[in-house]
Amino acid sequence: VQLQASGGGLVQAGDSLRLSCAASGRTFSAYPMGWFRQAAGKEREFVAAISVSGASTYYADSGKGRFAVSRDNAKNTLYLQMNNLKPEDTAVYYCARRKTAYPTTDQLSYDYWGQGTQVTVSS
């Protein structure tokens, strides 16, 4: 399984970005997925997660009301729509595949990771 994250960039506060995560292989639709981020000098933190079907989503408090995670199983792609971005959202964003039935927000629950895409929000 390979995960390729893309869509990051340099934006101003209040702007929007949509991150994508393209997955190789045939098992994408069988696993829940998640997004994490890591700011410079800080530990990696949970951002959002989505169930296999996409019917259930879960967000860290930092992104509630601003971020939306979705997936297109036919395209083997995971998305993270980020609106009203803030400077504190600046980080490298990673997509990851979660092992079924493992805790949603624990990065140890995720077994495959993308390479990350940089998001920089200027004030």
N, C-alpha and C. Protein backbone atom coordinates (compact mmCIF):
# COMPACT_ATOMS: atom_id res chain seq x y z
N VAL A 1 0.84 -1.19 0.00
CA VAL A 1 0.00 0.00 0.00
C VAL A 1 0.88 1.24 0.00
N GLN A 2 0.59 2.14 -0.90
CA GLN A 2 1.30 3.42 -0.92
C GLN A 2 0.27 4.55 -0.87
N LEU A 3 0.57 5.55 -0.06
CA LEU A 3 -0.28 6.72 0.07
C LEU A 3 0.48 7.95 -0.37
N GLN A 4 -0.12 8.74 -1.23
CA GLN A 4 0.52 9.93 -1.77
C GLN A 4 -0.33 11.15 -1.46
N ALA A 5 0.13 11.96 -0.54
CA ALA A 5 -0.61 13.18 -0.17
C ALA A 5 -0.19 14.34 -1.05
N SER A 6 -1.14 15.20 -1.34
CA SER A 6 -0.87 16.38 -2.17
C SER A 6 -1.88 17.48 -1.85
N GLY A 7 -1.63 18.65 -2.41
CA GLY A 7 -2.58 19.75 -2.25
C GLY A 7 -2.17 20.83 -1.28
N GLY A 8 -1.05 20.64 -0.61
CA GLY A 8 -0.60 21.67 0.31
C GLY A 8 -0.09 22.89 -0.42
N GLY A 9 0.20 23.92 0.34
CA GLY A 9 0.72 25.14 -0.25
C GLY A 9 0.78 26.27 0.74
N LEU A 10 1.10 27.44 0.22
CA LEU A 10 1.17 28.66 1.03
C LEU A 10 -0.09 29.48 0.79
N VAL A 11 -0.84 29.72 1.85
CA VAL A 11 -2.08 30.48 1.73
C VAL A 11 -2.13 31.53 2.84
N GLN A 12 -3.10 32.42 2.73
CA GLN A 12 -3.29 33.43 3.76
C GLN A 12 -4.38 32.98 4.74
N ALA A 13 -4.33 33.55 5.91
CA ALA A 13 -5.35 33.25 6.92
C ALA A 13 -6.73 33.52 6.33
N GLY A 14 -7.65 32.60 6.56
CA GLY A 14 -9.00 32.72 6.04
C GLY A 14 -9.22 31.98 4.72
N ASP A 15 -8.15 31.59 4.07
CA ASP A 15 -8.25 30.86 2.80
C ASP A 15 -8.62 29.41 3.04
N SER A 16 -8.83 28.71 1.93
CA SER A 16 -9.17 27.29 1.98
C SER A 16 -8.17 26.47 1.16
N LEU A 17 -8.04 25.23 1.53
CA LEU A 17 -7.23 24.27 0.79
C LEU A 17 -7.92 22.92 0.84
N ARG A 18 -7.73 22.14 -0.20
CA ARG A 18 -8.21 20.76 -0.16
C ARG A 18 -7.02 19.83 -0.38
N LEU A 19 -6.76 19.02 0.60
CA LEU A 19 -5.70 18.03 0.49
C LEU A 19 -6.29 16.74 -0.07
N SER A 20 -5.46 16.05 -0.83
CA SER A 20 -5.84 14.75 -1.38
C SER A 20 -4.82 13.70 -0.97
N CYS A 21 -5.26 12.48 -0.91
CA CYS A 21 -4.38 11.37 -0.59
C CYS A 21 -4.76 10.21 -1.51
N ALA A 22 -3.91 9.94 -2.47
CA ALA A 22 -4.18 8.87 -3.43
C ALA A 22 -3.55 7.58 -2.92
N ALA A 23 -4.34 6.52 -2.92
CA ALA A 23 -3.88 5.24 -2.41
C ALA A 23 -3.72 4.23 -3.54
N SER A 24 -2.65 3.47 -3.48
CA SER A 24 -2.46 2.40 -4.44
C SER A 24 -3.05 1.13 -3.88
N GLY A 25 -3.23 0.15 -4.73
CA GLY A 25 -3.73 -1.13 -4.27
C GLY A 25 -5.24 -1.21 -4.24
N ARG A 26 -5.74 -2.37 -3.90
CA ARG A 26 -7.18 -2.62 -3.98
C ARG A 26 -7.86 -2.59 -2.62
N THR A 27 -7.10 -2.29 -1.56
CA THR A 27 -7.68 -2.42 -0.23
C THR A 27 -8.13 -1.10 0.38
N PHE A 28 -8.00 -0.01 -0.35
CA PHE A 28 -8.34 1.31 0.21
C PHE A 28 -9.73 1.31 0.80
N SER A 29 -10.69 0.76 0.08
CA SER A 29 -12.09 0.84 0.51
C SER A 29 -12.39 -0.05 1.71
N ALA A 30 -11.45 -0.86 2.13
CA ALA A 30 -11.68 -1.78 3.24
C ALA A 30 -11.21 -1.25 4.58
N TYR A 31 -10.58 -0.07 4.58
CA TYR A 31 -9.97 0.44 5.81
C TYR A 31 -10.44 1.86 6.13
N PRO A 32 -10.61 2.13 7.41
CA PRO A 32 -10.82 3.53 7.81
C PRO A 32 -9.52 4.30 7.60
N MET A 33 -9.63 5.60 7.45
CA MET A 33 -8.48 6.44 7.15
C MET A 33 -8.45 7.65 8.07
N GLY A 34 -7.29 8.29 8.09
CA GLY A 34 -7.17 9.46 8.95
C GLY A 34 -6.16 10.46 8.42
N TRP A 35 -6.23 11.66 8.98
CA TRP A 35 -5.26 12.72 8.71
C TRP A 35 -4.61 13.13 10.03
N PHE A 36 -3.32 13.34 9.96
CA PHE A 36 -2.56 13.87 11.08
C PHE A 36 -1.75 15.05 10.58
N ARG A 37 -1.20 15.81 11.52
CA ARG A 37 -0.32 16.90 11.13
C ARG A 37 0.78 17.06 12.15
N GLN A 38 1.88 17.63 11.68
CA GLN A 38 3.01 17.87 12.57
C GLN A 38 3.60 19.23 12.27
N ALA A 39 3.50 20.12 13.23
CA ALA A 39 4.11 21.43 13.11
C ALA A 39 5.57 21.36 13.53
N ALA A 40 6.34 22.30 13.07
CA ALA A 40 7.77 22.31 13.38
C ALA A 40 7.99 22.36 14.89
N GLY A 41 8.80 21.44 15.37
CA GLY A 41 9.12 21.41 16.79
C GLY A 41 8.05 20.79 17.67
N LYS A 42 7.01 20.28 17.06
CA LYS A 42 5.92 19.69 17.85
C LYS A 42 5.70 18.24 17.46
N GLU A 43 4.95 17.53 18.30
CA GLU A 43 4.64 16.15 17.99
C GLU A 43 3.50 16.08 16.98
N ARG A 44 3.46 14.97 16.29
CA ARG A 44 2.40 14.76 15.32
C ARG A 44 1.07 14.60 16.07
N GLU A 45 0.03 15.21 15.52
CA GLU A 45 -1.27 15.17 16.19
C GLU A 45 -2.38 14.78 15.23
N PHE A 46 -3.41 14.20 15.81
CA PHE A 46 -4.57 13.77 15.05
C PHE A 46 -5.35 14.98 14.55
N VAL A 47 -5.87 14.86 13.32
CA VAL A 47 -6.68 15.92 12.74
C VAL A 47 -8.11 15.45 12.46
N ALA A 48 -8.23 14.35 11.72
CA ALA A 48 -9.56 13.89 11.33
C ALA A 48 -9.49 12.43 10.93
N ALA A 49 -10.65 11.77 10.99
CA ALA A 49 -10.72 10.37 10.60
C ALA A 49 -12.06 10.09 9.94
N ILE A 50 -12.09 9.04 9.15
CA ILE A 50 -13.30 8.69 8.43
C ILE A 50 -13.43 7.17 8.38
N SER A 51 -14.68 6.72 8.44
CA SER A 51 -14.94 5.28 8.41
C SER A 51 -14.78 4.72 7.00
N VAL A 52 -14.91 3.44 6.89
CA VAL A 52 -14.75 2.75 5.61
C VAL A 52 -15.72 3.29 4.56
N SER A 53 -16.96 3.44 4.95
CA SER A 53 -17.98 3.89 3.99
C SER A 53 -17.99 5.40 3.82
N GLY A 54 -17.40 6.10 4.77
CA GLY A 54 -17.45 7.55 4.77
C GLY A 54 -18.61 8.13 5.55
N ALA A 55 -19.44 7.25 6.09
CA ALA A 55 -20.63 7.72 6.79
C ALA A 55 -20.30 8.34 8.15
N SER A 56 -19.19 7.91 8.73
CA SER A 56 -18.80 8.44 10.05
C SER A 56 -17.49 9.19 9.95
N THR A 57 -17.46 10.35 10.56
CA THR A 57 -16.25 11.16 10.59
C THR A 57 -15.99 11.63 12.01
N TYR A 58 -14.74 11.97 12.28
CA TYR A 58 -14.35 12.40 13.62
C TYR A 58 -13.25 13.42 13.49
N TYR A 59 -13.33 14.47 14.33
CA TYR A 59 -12.38 15.57 14.19
C TYR A 59 -11.76 15.95 15.53
N ALA A 60 -10.54 16.38 15.46
CA ALA A 60 -9.93 17.02 16.62
C ALA A 60 -10.63 18.36 16.83
N ASP A 61 -10.63 18.83 18.05
CA ASP A 61 -11.30 20.10 18.36
C ASP A 61 -10.79 21.24 17.50
N SER A 62 -9.51 21.19 17.16
CA SER A 62 -8.90 22.28 16.40
C SER A 62 -9.52 22.46 15.02
N GLY A 63 -10.09 21.39 14.47
CA GLY A 63 -10.63 21.48 13.13
C GLY A 63 -12.14 21.43 13.03
N LYS A 64 -12.80 21.22 14.13
CA LYS A 64 -14.26 21.13 14.10
C LYS A 64 -14.88 22.41 13.55
N GLY A 65 -15.79 22.23 12.59
CA GLY A 65 -16.45 23.37 11.98
C GLY A 65 -15.68 24.00 10.84
N ARG A 66 -14.41 23.64 10.69
CA ARG A 66 -13.60 24.21 9.61
C ARG A 66 -13.10 23.16 8.64
N PHE A 67 -12.84 21.95 9.14
CA PHE A 67 -12.30 20.88 8.29
C PHE A 67 -13.38 19.85 8.00
N ALA A 68 -13.25 19.23 6.83
CA ALA A 68 -14.17 18.16 6.47
C ALA A 68 -13.39 17.06 5.76
N VAL A 69 -13.47 15.87 6.30
CA VAL A 69 -12.80 14.73 5.70
C VAL A 69 -13.81 13.94 4.88
N SER A 70 -13.36 13.44 3.75
CA SER A 70 -14.23 12.65 2.88
C SER A 70 -13.37 11.65 2.12
N ARG A 71 -14.04 10.75 1.44
CA ARG A 71 -13.31 9.76 0.65
C ARG A 71 -14.14 9.37 -0.56
N ASP A 72 -13.42 8.97 -1.61
CA ASP A 72 -14.04 8.44 -2.82
C ASP A 72 -13.43 7.07 -3.03
N ASN A 73 -14.13 6.05 -2.62
CA ASN A 73 -13.58 4.70 -2.70
C ASN A 73 -13.41 4.23 -4.15
N ALA A 74 -14.20 4.76 -5.04
CA ALA A 74 -14.06 4.39 -6.45
C ALA A 74 -12.77 4.93 -7.04
N LYS A 75 -12.29 6.04 -6.46
CA LYS A 75 -11.05 6.66 -6.93
C LYS A 75 -9.87 6.38 -6.01
N ASN A 76 -10.10 5.59 -4.96
CA ASN A 76 -9.02 5.30 -4.00
C ASN A 76 -8.39 6.58 -3.46
N THR A 77 -9.22 7.55 -3.12
CA THR A 77 -8.71 8.85 -2.71
C THR A 77 -9.41 9.35 -1.45
N LEU A 78 -8.58 9.89 -0.57
CA LEU A 78 -9.03 10.51 0.67
C LEU A 78 -8.84 12.01 0.54
N TYR A 79 -9.74 12.78 1.13
CA TYR A 79 -9.66 14.23 1.04
C TYR A 79 -9.74 14.88 2.42
N LEU A 80 -9.18 16.08 2.50
CA LEU A 80 -9.37 16.91 3.68
C LEU A 80 -9.61 18.34 3.19
N GLN A 81 -10.83 18.79 3.29
CA GLN A 81 -11.17 20.16 2.95
C GLN A 81 -10.94 21.03 4.18
N MET A 82 -10.13 22.04 4.03
CA MET A 82 -9.79 22.91 5.15
C MET A 82 -10.21 24.34 4.81
N ASN A 83 -11.11 24.87 5.60
CA ASN A 83 -11.64 26.22 5.38
C ASN A 83 -11.22 27.14 6.52
N ASN A 84 -11.26 28.43 6.25
CA ASN A 84 -10.92 29.42 7.27
C ASN A 84 -9.61 29.06 7.97
N LEU A 85 -8.59 28.84 7.18
CA LEU A 85 -7.31 28.42 7.73
C LEU A 85 -6.70 29.50 8.62
N LYS A 86 -5.99 29.03 9.64
CA LYS A 86 -5.34 29.91 10.60
C LYS A 86 -3.84 29.65 10.61
N PRO A 87 -3.05 30.62 11.03
CA PRO A 87 -1.60 30.39 11.09
C PRO A 87 -1.24 29.15 11.91
N GLU A 88 -2.00 28.85 12.93
CA GLU A 88 -1.69 27.68 13.76
C GLU A 88 -2.00 26.36 13.05
N ASP A 89 -2.59 26.41 11.87
CA ASP A 89 -2.78 25.20 11.06
C ASP A 89 -1.53 24.85 10.26
N THR A 90 -0.54 25.71 10.29
CA THR A 90 0.69 25.46 9.58
C THR A 90 1.36 24.19 10.08
N ALA A 91 1.60 23.26 9.16
CA ALA A 91 2.16 21.95 9.53
C ALA A 91 2.34 21.11 8.28
N VAL A 92 3.01 20.01 8.45
CA VAL A 92 3.01 18.97 7.42
C VAL A 92 1.84 18.05 7.72
N TYR A 93 1.02 17.82 6.72
CA TYR A 93 -0.18 16.99 6.88
C TYR A 93 0.06 15.62 6.27
N TYR A 94 -0.30 14.58 7.03
CA TYR A 94 -0.10 13.20 6.62
C TYR A 94 -1.44 12.47 6.57
N CYS A 95 -1.59 11.66 5.55
CA CYS A 95 -2.72 10.74 5.53
C CYS A 95 -2.22 9.37 5.97
N ALA A 96 -3.12 8.59 6.50
CA ALA A 96 -2.72 7.29 7.02
C ALA A 96 -3.90 6.32 7.02
N ARG A 97 -3.57 5.05 6.94
CA ARG A 97 -4.57 3.99 6.97
C ARG A 97 -4.65 3.41 8.37
N ARG A 98 -5.86 3.32 8.89
CA ARG A 98 -6.04 2.80 10.23
C ARG A 98 -6.36 1.32 10.23
N LYS A 99 -5.74 0.62 11.14
CA LYS A 99 -6.06 -0.78 11.35
C LYS A 99 -7.47 -0.87 11.94
N THR A 100 -8.26 -1.72 11.36
CA THR A 100 -9.67 -1.80 11.75
C THR A 100 -9.83 -2.09 13.24
N ALA A 101 -10.73 -1.35 13.86
CA ALA A 101 -11.12 -1.53 15.26
C ALA A 101 -10.09 -0.98 16.24
N TYR A 102 -9.08 -0.32 15.76
CA TYR A 102 -8.11 0.31 16.65
C TYR A 102 -8.57 1.74 16.96
N PRO A 103 -8.06 2.31 18.06
CA PRO A 103 -8.48 3.66 18.45
C PRO A 103 -8.23 4.68 17.36
N THR A 104 -9.20 5.55 17.18
CA THR A 104 -9.20 6.47 16.05
C THR A 104 -8.10 7.52 16.12
N THR A 105 -7.85 8.08 17.28
CA THR A 105 -6.95 9.23 17.38
C THR A 105 -5.51 8.85 17.68
N ASP A 106 -5.24 7.60 17.92
CA ASP A 106 -3.90 7.14 18.28
C ASP A 106 -3.11 6.82 17.02
N GLN A 107 -2.01 7.51 16.82
CA GLN A 107 -1.25 7.26 15.59
C GLN A 107 -0.69 5.86 15.52
N LEU A 108 -0.57 5.19 16.65
CA LEU A 108 -0.12 3.80 16.64
C LEU A 108 -1.16 2.87 16.02
N SER A 109 -2.37 3.36 15.84
CA SER A 109 -3.42 2.58 15.21
C SER A 109 -3.30 2.55 13.69
N TYR A 110 -2.42 3.37 13.16
CA TYR A 110 -2.29 3.54 11.72
C TYR A 110 -1.03 2.84 11.22
N ASP A 111 -1.18 2.04 10.16
CA ASP A 111 -0.05 1.21 9.74
C ASP A 111 0.62 1.69 8.46
N TYR A 112 -0.05 2.44 7.63
CA TYR A 112 0.57 2.98 6.42
C TYR A 112 0.37 4.49 6.38
N TRP A 113 1.46 5.18 6.03
CA TRP A 113 1.46 6.64 6.05
C TRP A 113 1.91 7.21 4.71
N GLY A 114 1.30 8.33 4.34
CA GLY A 114 1.79 9.06 3.19
C GLY A 114 3.02 9.86 3.56
N GLN A 115 3.59 10.52 2.58
CA GLN A 115 4.85 11.23 2.79
C GLN A 115 4.66 12.62 3.37
N GLY A 116 3.44 13.11 3.38
CA GLY A 116 3.16 14.42 3.95
C GLY A 116 3.16 15.52 2.90
N THR A 117 2.33 16.52 3.16
CA THR A 117 2.27 17.69 2.29
C THR A 117 2.25 18.93 3.19
N GLN A 118 3.08 19.92 2.84
CA GLN A 118 3.25 21.10 3.68
C GLN A 118 2.11 22.09 3.47
N VAL A 119 1.54 22.53 4.57
CA VAL A 119 0.55 23.60 4.55
C VAL A 119 1.11 24.75 5.37
N THR A 120 1.20 25.92 4.76
CA THR A 120 1.69 27.10 5.45
C THR A 120 0.65 28.21 5.34
N VAL A 121 0.24 28.70 6.48
CA VAL A 121 -0.79 29.74 6.52
C VAL A 121 -0.16 31.01 7.08
N SER A 122 -0.15 32.04 6.27
CA SER A 122 0.42 33.32 6.71
C SER A 122 -0.67 34.22 7.29
N SER A 123 -0.27 35.05 8.22
CA SER A 123 -1.25 35.92 8.89
C SER A 123 -1.41 37.25 8.17
